[in-house]
Amino acid sequence: AGVAAGKIDALIQPAQCPWDWFAGLPLVEEAGG
């Protein structure tokens, strides 16, 4: 959410479960990331 909102320039995440990233993925992409 911080990346999509322009508050964070990059987020590095080691291996995650799908529920950790699934909802945020389209937000980042829709915001130009």
PDB file of all heavy atoms in Angstrom:
ATOM      1  N   ALA A   1       0.842  -1.202   0.000  1.00  0.00           N
ATOM      2  CA  ALA A   1       0.000   0.000   0.000  1.00  0.00           C
ATOM      3  C   ALA A   1       0.873   1.247   0.000  1.00  0.00           C
ATOM      4  O   ALA A   1       0.572   2.226  -0.694  1.00  0.00           O
ATOM      5  CB  ALA A   1      -0.931  -0.007   1.209  1.00  0.00           C
ATOM      6  N   GLY A   2       1.968   1.229   0.757  1.00  0.00           N
ATOM      7  CA  GLY A   2       2.904   2.353   0.782  1.00  0.00           C
ATOM      8  C   GLY A   2       3.548   2.607  -0.565  1.00  0.00           C
ATOM      9  O   GLY A   2       3.728   3.753  -0.977  1.00  0.00           O
ATOM     10  N   VAL A   3       3.881   1.540  -1.280  1.00  0.00           N
ATOM     11  CA  VAL A   3       4.430   1.682  -2.633  1.00  0.00           C
ATOM     12  C   VAL A   3       3.379   2.288  -3.554  1.00  0.00           C
ATOM     13  O   VAL A   3       3.646   3.252  -4.281  1.00  0.00           O
ATOM     14  CB  VAL A   3       4.939   0.334  -3.186  1.00  0.00           C
ATOM     15  CG1 VAL A   3       5.275   0.431  -4.666  1.00  0.00           C
ATOM     16  CG2 VAL A   3       6.164  -0.148  -2.411  1.00  0.00           C
ATOM     17  N   ALA A   4       2.164   1.726  -3.541  1.00  0.00           N
ATOM     18  CA  ALA A   4       1.089   2.219  -4.420  1.00  0.00           C
ATOM     19  C   ALA A   4       0.745   3.676  -4.123  1.00  0.00           C
ATOM     20  O   ALA A   4       0.414   4.437  -5.034  1.00  0.00           O
ATOM     21  CB  ALA A   4      -0.157   1.346  -4.279  1.00  0.00           C
ATOM     22  N   ALA A   5       0.852   4.084  -2.856  1.00  0.00           N
ATOM     23  CA  ALA A   5       0.525   5.454  -2.462  1.00  0.00           C
ATOM     24  C   ALA A   5       1.669   6.429  -2.708  1.00  0.00           C
ATOM     25  O   ALA A   5       1.510   7.624  -2.517  1.00  0.00           O
ATOM     26  CB  ALA A   5       0.137   5.487  -0.981  1.00  0.00           C
ATOM     27  N   GLY A   6       2.832   5.909  -3.145  1.00  0.00           N
ATOM     28  CA  GLY A   6       3.974   6.773  -3.399  1.00  0.00           C
ATOM     29  C   GLY A   6       4.748   7.155  -2.146  1.00  0.00           C
ATOM     30  O   GLY A   6       5.579   8.057  -2.177  1.00  0.00           O
ATOM     31  N   LYS A   7       4.505   6.469  -1.044  1.00  0.00           N
ATOM     32  CA  LYS A   7       5.191   6.755   0.217  1.00  0.00           C
ATOM     33  C   LYS A   7       6.514   6.011   0.334  1.00  0.00           C
ATOM     34  O   LYS A   7       7.396   6.418   1.080  1.00  0.00           O
ATOM     35  CB  LYS A   7       4.307   6.369   1.415  1.00  0.00           C
ATOM     36  CG  LYS A   7       2.950   7.024   1.417  1.00  0.00           C
ATOM     37  CD  LYS A   7       3.080   8.498   1.671  1.00  0.00           C
ATOM     38  CE  LYS A   7       1.708   9.148   1.757  1.00  0.00           C
ATOM     39  NZ  LYS A   7       1.812  10.595   1.801  1.00  0.00           N
ATOM     40  N   ILE A   8       6.616   4.881  -0.343  1.00  0.00           N
ATOM     41  CA  ILE A   8       7.807   4.032  -0.335  1.00  0.00           C
ATOM     42  C   ILE A   8       8.217   3.840  -1.793  1.00  0.00           C
ATOM     43  O   ILE A   8       7.362   3.596  -2.642  1.00  0.00           O
ATOM     44  CB  ILE A   8       7.505   2.658   0.307  1.00  0.00           C
ATOM     45  CG1 ILE A   8       7.001   2.818   1.738  1.00  0.00           C
ATOM     46  CG2 ILE A   8       8.722   1.762   0.257  1.00  0.00           C
ATOM     47  CD1 ILE A   8       6.459   1.526   2.341  1.00  0.00           C
ATOM     48  N   ASP A   9       9.504   3.939  -2.089  1.00  0.00           N
ATOM     49  CA  ASP A   9       9.955   3.785  -3.476  1.00  0.00           C
ATOM     50  C   ASP A   9      10.074   2.324  -3.887  1.00  0.00           C
ATOM     51  O   ASP A   9       9.872   1.993  -5.055  1.00  0.00           O
ATOM     52  CB  ASP A   9      11.296   4.501  -3.668  1.00  0.00           C
ATOM     53  CG  ASP A   9      11.156   5.989  -3.421  1.00  0.00           C
ATOM     54  OD1 ASP A   9      10.370   6.632  -4.137  1.00  0.00           O
ATOM     55  OD2 ASP A   9      11.806   6.508  -2.485  1.00  0.00           O
ATOM     56  N   ALA A  10      10.404   1.447  -2.935  1.00  0.00           N
ATOM     57  CA  ALA A  10      10.499   0.017  -3.251  1.00  0.00           C
ATOM     58  C   ALA A  10      10.287  -0.791  -1.983  1.00  0.00           C
ATOM     59  O   ALA A  10      10.594  -0.343  -0.876  1.00  0.00           O
ATOM     60  CB  ALA A  10      11.848  -0.325  -3.865  1.00  0.00           C
ATOM     61  N   LEU A  11       9.751  -1.998  -2.170  1.00  0.00           N
ATOM     62  CA  LEU A  11       9.547  -2.965  -1.090  1.00  0.00           C
ATOM     63  C   LEU A  11      10.186  -4.269  -1.522  1.00  0.00           C
ATOM     64  O   LEU A  11       9.906  -4.766  -2.615  1.00  0.00           O
ATOM     65  CB  LEU A  11       8.052  -3.172  -0.831  1.00  0.00           C
ATOM     66  CG  LEU A  11       7.690  -4.287   0.150  1.00  0.00           C
ATOM     67  CD1 LEU A  11       8.180  -3.951   1.564  1.00  0.00           C
ATOM     68  CD2 LEU A  11       6.188  -4.535   0.143  1.00  0.00           C
ATOM     69  N   ILE A  12      11.014  -4.820  -0.663  1.00  0.00           N
ATOM     70  CA  ILE A  12      11.676  -6.101  -0.930  1.00  0.00           C
ATOM     71  C   ILE A  12      11.128  -7.109   0.071  1.00  0.00           C
ATOM     72  O   ILE A  12      11.250  -6.921   1.279  1.00  0.00           O
ATOM     73  CB  ILE A  12      13.198  -5.969  -0.771  1.00  0.00           C
ATOM     74  CG1 ILE A  12      13.726  -4.929  -1.760  1.00  0.00           C
ATOM     75  CG2 ILE A  12      13.878  -7.321  -0.948  1.00  0.00           C
ATOM     76  CD1 ILE A  12      15.054  -4.339  -1.381  1.00  0.00           C
ATOM     77  N   GLN A  13      10.503  -8.157  -0.452  1.00  0.00           N
ATOM     78  CA  GLN A  13       9.927  -9.182   0.406  1.00  0.00           C
ATOM     79  C   GLN A  13      10.515 -10.536   0.042  1.00  0.00           C
ATOM     80  O   GLN A  13      10.487 -10.937  -1.116  1.00  0.00           O
ATOM     81  CB  GLN A  13       8.402  -9.247   0.222  1.00  0.00           C
ATOM     82  CG  GLN A  13       7.652  -8.178   0.939  1.00  0.00           C
ATOM     83  CD  GLN A  13       7.539  -8.437   2.440  1.00  0.00           C
ATOM     84  OE1 GLN A  13       8.100  -9.370   2.998  1.00  0.00           O
ATOM     85  NE2 GLN A  13       6.820  -7.579   3.102  1.00  0.00           N
ATOM     86  N   PRO A  14      11.045 -11.259   1.023  1.00  0.00           N
ATOM     87  CA  PRO A  14      11.438 -12.642   0.767  1.00  0.00           C
ATOM     88  C   PRO A  14      10.180 -13.489   0.584  1.00  0.00           C
ATOM     89  O   PRO A  14       9.070 -12.955   0.590  1.00  0.00           O
ATOM     90  CB  PRO A  14      12.209 -13.020   2.028  1.00  0.00           C
ATOM     91  CG  PRO A  14      11.686 -12.121   3.071  1.00  0.00           C
ATOM     92  CD  PRO A  14      11.267 -10.846   2.387  1.00  0.00           C
ATOM     93  N   ALA A  15      10.323 -14.769   0.445  1.00  0.00           N
ATOM     94  CA  ALA A  15       9.197 -15.656   0.139  1.00  0.00           C
ATOM     95  C   ALA A  15       8.004 -15.400   1.050  1.00  0.00           C
ATOM     96  O   ALA A  15       8.131 -15.356   2.266  1.00  0.00           O
ATOM     97  CB  ALA A  15       9.638 -17.110   0.230  1.00  0.00           C
ATOM     98  N   GLN A  16       6.853 -15.207   0.420  1.00  0.00           N
ATOM     99  CA  GLN A  16       5.602 -14.917   1.103  1.00  0.00           C
ATOM    100  C   GLN A  16       4.524 -15.899   0.659  1.00  0.00           C
ATOM    101  O   GLN A  16       4.647 -16.548  -0.368  1.00  0.00           O
ATOM    102  CB  GLN A  16       5.131 -13.498   0.761  1.00  0.00           C
ATOM    103  CG  GLN A  16       6.084 -12.409   1.179  1.00  0.00           C
ATOM    104  CD  GLN A  16       6.165 -12.267   2.677  1.00  0.00           C
ATOM    105  OE1 GLN A  16       5.199 -11.912   3.326  1.00  0.00           O
ATOM    106  NE2 GLN A  16       7.327 -12.559   3.240  1.00  0.00           N
ATOM    107  N   CYS A  17       3.450 -15.958   1.428  1.00  0.00           N
ATOM    108  CA  CYS A  17       2.265 -16.707   1.022  1.00  0.00           C
ATOM    109  C   CYS A  17       1.429 -15.802   0.118  1.00  0.00           C
ATOM    110  O   CYS A  17       1.544 -14.580   0.183  1.00  0.00           O
ATOM    111  CB  CYS A  17       1.461 -17.121   2.246  1.00  0.00           C
ATOM    112  SG  CYS A  17       2.308 -18.372   3.249  1.00  0.00           S
ATOM    113  N   PRO A  18       0.593 -16.377  -0.733  1.00  0.00           N
ATOM    114  CA  PRO A  18      -0.150 -15.543  -1.689  1.00  0.00           C
ATOM    115  C   PRO A  18      -1.048 -14.497  -1.033  1.00  0.00           C
ATOM    116  O   PRO A  18      -1.218 -13.413  -1.578  1.00  0.00           O
ATOM    117  CB  PRO A  18      -0.959 -16.545  -2.513  1.00  0.00           C
ATOM    118  CG  PRO A  18      -0.920 -17.826  -1.772  1.00  0.00           C
ATOM    119  CD  PRO A  18       0.292 -17.802  -0.903  1.00  0.00           C
ATOM    120  N   TRP A  19      -1.612 -14.788   0.126  1.00  0.00           N
ATOM    121  CA  TRP A  19      -2.493 -13.802   0.754  1.00  0.00           C
ATOM    122  C   TRP A  19      -1.726 -12.574   1.234  1.00  0.00           C
ATOM    123  O   TRP A  19      -2.302 -11.534   1.476  1.00  0.00           O
ATOM    124  CB  TRP A  19      -3.299 -14.411   1.891  1.00  0.00           C
ATOM    125  CG  TRP A  19      -2.479 -15.155   2.897  1.00  0.00           C
ATOM    126  CD1 TRP A  19      -1.755 -14.620   3.935  1.00  0.00           C
ATOM    127  CD2 TRP A  19      -2.280 -16.555   2.941  1.00  0.00           C
ATOM    128  NE1 TRP A  19      -1.120 -15.618   4.629  1.00  0.00           N
ATOM    129  CE2 TRP A  19      -1.425 -16.828   4.037  1.00  0.00           C
ATOM    130  CE3 TRP A  19      -2.737 -17.632   2.170  1.00  0.00           C
ATOM    131  CZ2 TRP A  19      -1.025 -18.115   4.387  1.00  0.00           C
ATOM    132  CZ3 TRP A  19      -2.327 -18.898   2.522  1.00  0.00           C
ATOM    133  CH2 TRP A  19      -1.485 -19.132   3.608  1.00  0.00           C
ATOM    134  N   ASP A  20      -0.404 -12.677   1.335  1.00  0.00           N
ATOM    135  CA  ASP A  20       0.400 -11.528   1.742  1.00  0.00           C
ATOM    136  C   ASP A  20       0.520 -10.483   0.625  1.00  0.00           C
ATOM    137  O   ASP A  20       0.651  -9.298   0.907  1.00  0.00           O
ATOM    138  CB  ASP A  20       1.812 -11.978   2.147  1.00  0.00           C
ATOM    139  CG  ASP A  20       1.811 -12.814   3.409  1.00  0.00           C
ATOM    140  OD1 ASP A  20       1.111 -12.430   4.363  1.00  0.00           O
ATOM    141  OD2 ASP A  20       2.513 -13.840   3.443  1.00  0.00           O
ATOM    142  N   TRP A  21       0.515 -10.929  -0.625  1.00  0.00           N
ATOM    143  CA  TRP A  21       0.756 -10.009  -1.744  1.00  0.00           C
ATOM    144  C   TRP A  21      -0.389  -9.891  -2.741  1.00  0.00           C
ATOM    145  O   TRP A  21      -0.425  -8.957  -3.535  1.00  0.00           O
ATOM    146  CB  TRP A  21       2.035 -10.397  -2.501  1.00  0.00           C
ATOM    147  CG  TRP A  21       2.099 -11.826  -2.971  1.00  0.00           C
ATOM    148  CD1 TRP A  21       2.734 -12.855  -2.341  1.00  0.00           C
ATOM    149  CD2 TRP A  21       1.532 -12.386  -4.153  1.00  0.00           C
ATOM    150  NE1 TRP A  21       2.575 -14.020  -3.053  1.00  0.00           N
ATOM    151  CE2 TRP A  21       1.850 -13.767  -4.172  1.00  0.00           C
ATOM    152  CE3 TRP A  21       0.770 -11.861  -5.200  1.00  0.00           C
ATOM    153  CZ2 TRP A  21       1.447 -14.614  -5.191  1.00  0.00           C
ATOM    154  CZ3 TRP A  21       0.365 -12.713  -6.219  1.00  0.00           C
ATOM    155  CH2 TRP A  21       0.706 -14.077  -6.203  1.00  0.00           C
ATOM    156  N   PHE A  22      -1.340 -10.808  -2.716  1.00  0.00           N
ATOM    157  CA  PHE A  22      -2.345 -10.880  -3.775  1.00  0.00           C
ATOM    158  C   PHE A  22      -3.171  -9.605  -3.912  1.00  0.00           C
ATOM    159  O   PHE A  22      -3.404  -9.118  -5.016  1.00  0.00           O
ATOM    160  CB  PHE A  22      -3.253 -12.095  -3.547  1.00  0.00           C
ATOM    161  CG  PHE A  22      -4.146 -12.396  -4.702  1.00  0.00           C
ATOM    162  CD1 PHE A  22      -3.647 -13.056  -5.812  1.00  0.00           C
ATOM    163  CD2 PHE A  22      -5.478 -12.027  -4.697  1.00  0.00           C
ATOM    164  CE1 PHE A  22      -4.468 -13.347  -6.891  1.00  0.00           C
ATOM    165  CE2 PHE A  22      -6.302 -12.311  -5.768  1.00  0.00           C
ATOM    166  CZ  PHE A  22      -5.787 -12.964  -6.874  1.00  0.00           C
ATOM    167  N   ALA A  23      -3.618  -9.018  -2.825  1.00  0.00           N
ATOM    168  CA  ALA A  23      -4.451  -7.808  -2.896  1.00  0.00           C
ATOM    169  C   ALA A  23      -3.637  -6.566  -3.245  1.00  0.00           C
ATOM    170  O   ALA A  23      -4.143  -5.649  -3.890  1.00  0.00           O
ATOM    171  CB  ALA A  23      -5.183  -7.592  -1.576  1.00  0.00           C
ATOM    172  N   GLY A  24      -2.379  -6.527  -2.844  1.00  0.00           N
ATOM    173  CA  GLY A  24      -1.544  -5.359  -3.110  1.00  0.00           C
ATOM    174  C   GLY A  24      -0.979  -5.312  -4.512  1.00  0.00           C
ATOM    175  O   GLY A  24      -0.669  -4.229  -5.025  1.00  0.00           O
ATOM    176  N   LEU A  25      -0.836  -6.460  -5.165  1.00  0.00           N
ATOM    177  CA  LEU A  25      -0.281  -6.521  -6.515  1.00  0.00           C
ATOM    178  C   LEU A  25      -1.020  -5.609  -7.491  1.00  0.00           C
ATOM    179  O   LEU A  25      -0.393  -4.761  -8.142  1.00  0.00           O
ATOM    180  CB  LEU A  25      -0.264  -7.975  -7.017  1.00  0.00           C
ATOM    181  CG  LEU A  25       0.070  -8.209  -8.481  1.00  0.00           C
ATOM    182  CD1 LEU A  25       1.491  -7.785  -8.795  1.00  0.00           C
ATOM    183  CD2 LEU A  25      -0.150  -9.674  -8.839  1.00  0.00           C
ATOM    184  N   PRO A  26      -2.351  -5.699  -7.619  1.00  0.00           N
ATOM    185  CA  PRO A  26      -3.025  -4.817  -8.583  1.00  0.00           C
ATOM    186  C   PRO A  26      -2.962  -3.343  -8.193  1.00  0.00           C
ATOM    187  O   PRO A  26      -2.968  -2.473  -9.064  1.00  0.00           O
ATOM    188  CB  PRO A  26      -4.470  -5.331  -8.614  1.00  0.00           C
ATOM    189  CG  PRO A  26      -4.640  -6.150  -7.394  1.00  0.00           C
ATOM    190  CD  PRO A  26      -3.290  -6.650  -7.009  1.00  0.00           C
ATOM    191  N   LEU A  27      -2.881  -3.034  -6.898  1.00  0.00           N
ATOM    192  CA  LEU A  27      -2.753  -1.638  -6.475  1.00  0.00           C
ATOM    193  C   LEU A  27      -1.442  -1.043  -6.985  1.00  0.00           C
ATOM    194  O   LEU A  27      -1.412   0.056  -7.543  1.00  0.00           O
ATOM    195  CB  LEU A  27      -2.826  -1.506  -4.959  1.00  0.00           C
ATOM    196  CG  LEU A  27      -4.173  -1.737  -4.304  1.00  0.00           C
ATOM    197  CD1 LEU A  27      -4.039  -1.743  -2.793  1.00  0.00           C
ATOM    198  CD2 LEU A  27      -5.183  -0.700  -4.755  1.00  0.00           C
ATOM    199  N   VAL A  28      -0.352  -1.774  -6.780  1.00  0.00           N
ATOM    200  CA  VAL A  28       0.960  -1.288  -7.234  1.00  0.00           C
ATOM    201  C   VAL A  28       0.963  -1.127  -8.744  1.00  0.00           C
ATOM    202  O   VAL A  28       1.400  -0.098  -9.276  1.00  0.00           O
ATOM    203  CB  VAL A  28       2.092  -2.231  -6.771  1.00  0.00           C
ATOM    204  CG1 VAL A  28       3.418  -1.860  -7.426  1.00  0.00           C
ATOM    205  CG2 VAL A  28       2.232  -2.189  -5.256  1.00  0.00           C
ATOM    206  N   GLU A  29       0.470  -2.120  -9.462  1.00  0.00           N
ATOM    207  CA  GLU A  29       0.474  -2.045 -10.929  1.00  0.00           C
ATOM    208  C   GLU A  29      -0.435  -0.923 -11.434  1.00  0.00           C
ATOM    209  O   GLU A  29      -0.063  -0.199 -12.355  1.00  0.00           O
ATOM    210  CB  GLU A  29       0.083  -3.397 -11.519  1.00  0.00           C
ATOM    211  CG  GLU A  29       1.152  -4.450 -11.292  1.00  0.00           C
ATOM    212  CD  GLU A  29       0.768  -5.832 -11.780  1.00  0.00           C
ATOM    213  OE1 GLU A  29      -0.450  -6.115 -11.942  1.00  0.00           O
ATOM    214  OE2 GLU A  29       1.686  -6.639 -12.000  1.00  0.00           O
ATOM    215  N   GLU A  30      -1.603  -0.764 -10.849  1.00  0.00           N
ATOM    216  CA  GLU A  30      -2.528   0.287 -11.277  1.00  0.00           C
ATOM    217  C   GLU A  30      -1.970   1.677 -10.983  1.00  0.00           C
ATOM    218  O   GLU A  30      -2.261   2.631 -11.692  1.00  0.00           O
ATOM    219  CB  GLU A  30      -3.893   0.106 -10.596  1.00  0.00           C
ATOM    220  CG  GLU A  30      -4.946   1.071 -11.040  1.00  0.00           C
ATOM    221  CD  GLU A  30      -5.352   0.946 -12.507  1.00  0.00           C
ATOM    222  OE1 GLU A  30      -5.208  -0.143 -13.104  1.00  0.00           O
ATOM    223  OE2 GLU A  30      -5.826   1.956 -13.065  1.00  0.00           O
ATOM    224  N   ALA A  31      -1.119   1.782  -9.966  1.00  0.00           N
ATOM    225  CA  ALA A  31      -0.511   3.067  -9.606  1.00  0.00           C
ATOM    226  C   ALA A  31       0.768   3.338 -10.408  1.00  0.00           C
ATOM    227  O   ALA A  31       1.451   4.323 -10.151  1.00  0.00           O
ATOM    228  CB  ALA A  31      -0.216   3.108  -8.111  1.00  0.00           C
ATOM    229  N   GLY A  32       1.074   2.472 -11.379  1.00  0.00           N
ATOM    230  CA  GLY A  32       2.233   2.701 -12.243  1.00  0.00           C
ATOM    231  C   GLY A  32       3.495   1.989 -11.824  1.00  0.00           C
ATOM    232  O   GLY A  32       4.571   2.233 -12.376  1.00  0.00           O
ATOM    233  N   GLY A  33       3.397   1.085 -10.872  1.00  0.00           N
ATOM    234  CA  GLY A  33       4.570   0.373 -10.385  1.00  0.00           C
ATOM    235  C   GLY A  33       4.743  -0.995 -11.022  1.00  0.00           C
ATOM    236  O   GLY A  33       3.952  -1.420 -11.860  1.00  0.00           O
TER     237      GLY A  33
END
